Amino acid sequence: MLKFINTTEFKTIIKTNSANLFILEGKNMKTRSDLFSEIAKILHFPNYFGNNWNALDDCLQDLDWIHSNSIIIIIRDFDKILLEDNTKEKNIFLDCVKAANDFWEDGQEKKVDFYIQN
C-alpha cells in the first residue's frame, strides 16, 4: 500500500531505517520536465530513460541498477509537484507511483517502499 506520511513520520523513517533512501523533492518538480529530471537524477536512472510517462513506469518497476534489496523512496512536498502543469499530469504521476508500488508489493526480490509527504 502506498503510504502517506506527515513530517514527524518522515523524520522517524530517516532516523530509524537502514534501507537505501531516496528523497524526491516536490519543490524541484514543478513541471513535467523538472519531474523527469529530478527523478532520473535522484534514482540514478539509466541513460536510456525516455523522459516520458511510459519510461517512468518502466524504470520505477525495474531499479536493477540500484544494488540493494531494501529501498525507500520518499516524495516530499507532494502538493508542490507539477504546480506549473495541469492536474491531469499530477494524476498520471500518482498513477505511475501507485503502479510501481503495487508491482513491488507483489512478491518481488527487492523490497521497495514508496512514501508521500505533503
Foldseek 3Di string as FASTA:
>chain_A
DEAEDEPVVVVCCVPPDPFAEFEQEQLQAQALQSNLVRCCVRLVPDPPQDSDLVSLLVCLQCSPVPPTQEYEYEYEPLVSHNNVHDPVVSVSVVVSVVSSQVNQVPDDSHRYHYYYYD
